[in-house]
Protein backbone atom coordinates (compact mmCIF):
# COMPACT_ATOMS: atom_id res chain seq x y z
CA MET A 1 86.22 121.06 47.40
CA LYS A 2 89.43 121.20 49.42
CA LYS A 3 87.60 122.68 52.43
CA LEU A 4 84.95 119.95 52.20
CA LEU A 5 87.61 117.22 52.23
CA MET A 6 89.29 118.80 55.25
CA LEU A 7 85.94 118.92 57.04
CA LEU A 8 85.25 115.25 56.27
CA CYS A 9 88.70 114.26 57.53
CA ALA A 10 88.11 116.20 60.75
CA LEU A 11 84.78 114.46 61.27
CA LEU A 12 86.26 111.03 60.63
CA LEU A 13 89.06 111.59 63.14
CA THR A 14 86.88 113.01 65.90
CA LEU A 15 86.39 110.84 68.96
CA PRO A 16 82.98 110.63 70.60
CA ALA A 17 82.38 113.10 73.42
CA LEU A 18 84.33 112.10 76.52
CA ALA A 19 82.11 110.42 79.10
CA GLU A 20 82.62 110.99 82.81
CA SER A 21 83.67 107.35 83.21
CA PRO A 22 85.68 106.01 80.25
CA ALA A 23 84.08 103.02 78.53
CA MET A 24 86.48 100.09 78.79
CA ALA A 25 86.69 96.62 77.31
CA PRO A 26 85.53 93.80 79.67
CA GLU A 27 89.13 92.58 79.96
CA LEU A 28 90.13 95.90 81.53
CA ALA A 29 87.36 95.69 84.12
CA ALA A 30 88.72 92.27 85.15
CA LEU A 31 92.28 93.64 85.16
CA LYS A 32 91.27 96.45 87.50
CA THR A 33 89.80 93.96 89.98
CA ALA A 34 92.87 91.72 89.72
CA ASN A 35 95.31 94.60 90.16
CA GLU A 36 93.59 95.67 93.35
CA ALA A 37 93.54 92.09 94.65
CA ILE A 38 97.25 91.37 94.25
CA MET A 39 98.30 94.84 95.39
CA ASP A 40 96.28 94.31 98.56
CA ARG A 41 97.31 90.69 99.16
CA TYR A 42 101.00 90.84 98.23
CA GLY A 43 101.88 94.50 98.69
CA LEU A 44 102.78 95.12 95.07
CA THR A 45 102.98 98.78 94.10
CA LEU A 46 101.89 100.40 90.85
CA PRO A 47 105.45 100.47 89.43
CA ALA A 48 105.89 96.82 90.45
CA LEU A 49 102.88 95.87 88.32
CA GLY A 50 104.76 97.34 85.37
CA LEU A 51 107.41 94.63 85.71
CA PHE A 52 104.86 91.95 84.78
CA ASP A 53 102.99 91.03 81.62
CA ALA A 54 99.29 90.63 82.46
CA HIS A 55 96.98 88.38 80.44
CA VAL A 56 93.20 88.18 80.89
CA ASP A 57 91.10 85.13 80.00
CA LEU A 58 87.31 85.49 80.10
CA CYS A 59 85.10 82.41 80.43
CA GLY A 60 81.47 83.24 81.01
CA GLU A 61 81.14 85.01 84.35
CA THR A 62 84.65 84.03 85.42
CA ALA A 63 87.91 85.80 84.56
CA ILE A 64 91.44 84.54 85.13
CA VAL A 65 94.20 87.15 85.16
CA THR A 66 97.80 85.93 85.04
CA TYR A 67 100.86 88.08 85.73
CA ARG A 68 104.15 86.71 84.43
CA GLY A 69 107.63 88.14 84.80
CA GLY A 70 108.45 90.58 82.03
CA ALA A 71 111.32 92.86 83.04
CA VAL A 72 112.42 90.42 85.76
CA PRO A 73 112.64 86.68 84.90
CA GLU A 74 109.70 84.58 86.01
CA SER A 75 112.14 82.10 87.54
CA LEU A 76 112.68 84.72 90.25
CA THR A 77 109.32 86.42 90.57
CA GLY A 78 107.05 83.47 89.99
CA ALA A 79 103.61 84.20 88.56
CA TYR A 80 100.59 85.83 90.16
CA ILE A 81 97.14 84.52 89.28
CA VAL A 82 93.79 86.05 90.17
CA ILE A 83 90.53 84.16 89.70
CA ILE A 84 87.50 86.44 89.55
CA ALA A 85 84.27 84.47 89.90
CA PRO A 86 80.69 85.35 90.89
CA HIS A 87 81.33 83.98 94.38
CA GLY A 88 84.50 86.02 95.00
CA VAL A 89 88.05 87.01 94.03
CA GLN A 90 91.00 84.71 94.78
CA PRO A 91 94.58 86.02 94.32
CA MET A 92 97.42 83.47 94.30
CA TRP A 93 101.20 83.44 93.88
CA THR A 94 103.20 80.46 92.65
CA HIS A 95 105.62 81.13 95.52
CA ASP A 96 102.89 81.01 98.16
CA GLY A 97 104.13 78.90 101.07
CA SER A 98 107.77 79.25 100.05
CA LEU A 99 110.20 78.75 102.92
CA VAL A 100 112.77 81.00 101.25
CA PRO A 101 113.12 84.20 103.32
CA TRP A 102 112.45 86.60 100.43
CA GLN A 103 111.00 89.06 102.94
CA SER A 104 114.58 90.06 103.80
CA GLY A 105 114.91 91.77 100.43
CA ASP A 106 118.14 89.93 99.61
CA LEU A 107 118.67 90.02 95.82
CA ALA A 108 120.51 86.69 96.09
CA SER A 109 117.26 85.02 97.11
CA PRO A 110 115.94 82.54 94.52
CA VAL A 111 112.50 84.07 95.12
CA TRP A 112 111.81 87.73 94.52
CA GLY A 113 108.89 89.39 96.28
CA MET A 114 108.06 93.07 96.64
CA PRO A 115 111.21 93.91 98.68
CA GLN A 116 113.49 92.76 95.84
CA LEU A 117 111.31 94.38 93.19
CA GLN A 118 111.51 97.69 95.06
CA THR A 119 115.32 97.48 95.16
CA TYR A 120 115.30 96.78 91.42
CA LEU A 121 113.02 99.76 90.73
CA ASN A 122 115.13 102.07 92.90
CA ALA A 123 118.29 101.18 90.96
CA SER A 124 119.58 103.13 88.00
CA ALA A 125 119.14 101.73 84.49
CA SER A 126 122.76 100.60 84.35
CA GLU A 127 122.43 98.87 87.73
CA ARG A 128 119.28 97.08 86.59
CA TYR A 129 120.97 95.76 83.47
CA ALA A 130 123.96 94.70 85.55
CA LEU A 131 121.64 92.30 87.38
CA PHE A 132 120.56 90.63 84.14
CA THR A 133 119.67 91.50 80.58
CA PRO A 134 116.08 90.50 79.79
CA TYR A 135 115.32 88.76 76.52
CA PHE A 136 112.17 89.70 74.67
CA PRO A 137 111.35 87.71 71.50
CA GLN A 138 110.18 89.75 68.55
CA THR A 139 106.85 88.27 67.47
CA LEU A 140 105.24 91.33 65.88
CA ASP A 141 105.01 91.84 62.11
CA THR A 142 107.55 94.23 60.68
CA LEU A 143 106.47 97.71 59.62
CA ASP A 144 106.93 96.77 55.96
CA GLU A 145 104.65 93.75 56.30
CA PHE A 146 102.03 95.82 58.12
CA GLU A 147 102.03 98.51 55.45
CA ALA A 148 102.07 95.96 52.65
CA ALA A 149 98.83 94.53 54.06
CA GLY A 150 97.21 97.97 53.91
CA GLY A 151 97.97 99.27 57.39
CA SER A 152 99.46 102.68 58.14
CA TYR A 153 100.64 104.91 60.98
CA HIS A 154 99.77 108.59 61.29
CA ASP A 155 101.44 111.10 63.59
CA VAL A 156 99.62 114.07 65.08
CA THR A 157 99.15 116.86 62.53
CA SER A 158 97.11 120.03 62.31
CA ALA A 159 94.32 118.01 60.65
CA ASN A 160 93.88 115.52 63.50
CA ARG A 161 95.21 117.49 66.47
CA GLY A 162 91.78 118.01 68.03
CA ALA A 163 90.98 114.29 67.98
CA ALA A 164 94.48 113.48 69.21
CA ASP A 165 94.10 115.87 72.14
CA SER A 166 90.78 114.21 73.02
CA ALA A 167 92.46 110.79 72.85
CA ARG A 168 95.28 111.97 75.13
CA ALA A 169 92.81 113.33 77.70
CA LEU A 170 90.77 110.13 77.55
CA ALA A 171 93.93 108.04 77.97
CA GLU A 172 94.88 109.89 81.16
CA ARG A 173 91.39 109.48 82.58
CA ALA A 174 91.37 105.78 81.68
CA VAL A 175 94.70 105.21 83.46
CA THR A 176 93.40 107.08 86.50
CA ALA A 177 90.26 104.92 86.56
CA LEU A 178 91.93 101.56 85.90
CA TYR A 179 94.64 101.97 88.53
CA SER A 180 92.54 103.95 91.02
CA LEU A 181 95.12 106.73 91.11
CA THR A 182 94.99 109.36 93.79
CA GLU A 183 94.38 112.97 92.84
CA GLU A 184 98.10 113.63 93.35
CA GLN A 185 99.13 110.73 91.10
CA SER A 186 96.62 111.72 88.45
CA ALA A 187 98.11 115.21 88.38
CA GLN A 188 101.51 113.63 87.64
CA LEU A 189 100.28 112.00 84.41
CA SER A 190 101.48 113.56 81.17
CA THR A 191 101.01 112.86 77.47
CA TYR A 192 102.77 114.32 74.47
CA ALA A 193 101.82 114.70 70.82
CA GLY A 194 105.04 112.92 69.86
CA ASP A 195 103.91 109.85 71.84
CA THR A 196 100.48 109.77 70.19
CA ARG A 197 99.60 108.25 66.84
CA MET A 198 96.69 106.98 64.80
CA VAL A 199 96.95 103.41 63.50
CA GLN A 200 94.93 102.44 60.42
CA TYR A 201 94.57 98.64 60.28
CA PRO A 202 94.25 96.61 57.07
CA ASP A 203 90.61 95.80 57.90
CA GLY A 204 89.81 99.52 57.97
CA HIS A 205 89.35 100.14 61.68
CA ARG A 206 91.43 102.84 63.35
CA GLU A 207 92.90 103.16 66.83
CA TRP A 208 94.69 105.83 68.79
CA GLU A 209 97.83 104.69 70.58
CA VAL A 210 98.80 107.01 73.43
CA THR A 211 101.74 106.74 75.82
CA VAL A 212 100.99 108.18 79.26
CA HIS A 213 103.91 109.02 81.54
CA LEU A 214 103.77 109.01 85.35
CA GLU A 215 106.17 111.85 86.08
CA ASP A 216 106.68 111.44 89.83
CA GLY A 217 110.47 111.79 89.84
CA SER A 218 110.98 108.08 90.52
CA THR A 219 113.68 105.96 88.89
CA ALA A 220 110.94 103.42 88.20
CA GLU A 221 110.04 105.30 84.97
CA THR A 222 106.44 104.09 84.96
CA LEU A 223 104.44 104.57 81.78
CA PHE A 224 101.19 103.30 80.28
CA TRP A 225 100.41 102.40 76.66
CA VAL A 226 96.73 103.06 75.97
CA VAL A 227 94.77 101.87 72.92
CA ILE A 228 91.50 103.63 72.08
CA HIS A 229 89.07 102.77 69.28
CA ALA A 230 88.97 105.92 67.16
CA GLU A 231 85.28 105.74 66.24
CA THR A 232 83.68 104.55 69.49
CA GLY A 233 86.10 105.91 72.09
CA LEU A 234 86.22 102.49 73.76
CA VAL A 235 89.43 101.96 75.73
CA GLU A 236 90.54 98.61 74.36
CA ASN A 237 93.81 98.02 76.16
CA ILE A 238 96.18 99.54 78.72
CA VAL A 239 99.65 98.13 79.29
CA ILE A 240 101.87 99.36 82.12
CA SER A 241 105.66 99.13 82.09
CA SER A 242 108.33 100.16 84.59
CA GLY A 243 112.05 100.21 84.95
CA GLY A 244 112.65 101.28 81.37
CA VAL A 245 111.68 97.81 80.13
CA GLY A 246 108.40 96.71 78.69
């Protein structure tokens, strides 16, 4: 009986076979297009994207992706907006047309573009916090409330290690695909069992949450939080953060 239960648990926690191209939610397909558009138009780098909170709105065949300041206040960075429509892709910046010479990279500029963001990312953690201390409101339910509603968190154990390893591999491939990483960058991605967990939601569905680290030796400390549906293997969300904030 005990062996049968262990077998059933293993089957329940097993992800579908990994496809060559990870299946992603429609929002992530729009995010990929938007990332490429603003990186090309405004020179933003991958770590710079991690300083913004991206939000995707889908409306029929059109998607609107908005990037707002997360680690760095929006009052400095402005917001980036990408409209993805059947007739084309239009990236915009709320500081477009600004006469402020932000191109100089001066941190005293009231407008921060890529030069200032790069200086911020190159700084040490203490130097970044000396510039300003970001404020992030806590809007998530507490752990007690989540568990009281029937939710639970599960770390990697011998019983689910195989499924967790599959989730970690899928997470790395999804990050590579979404951000069009080079072979060299992809080789610098790492995941750890301690940064991987199964989340059981009150409604019964389960997700893997995997943190993927870009270990390129940079002070930018870029990482990706990947959410994968445990039964279908669908990559539901990927959030990038940089600078030790996010």
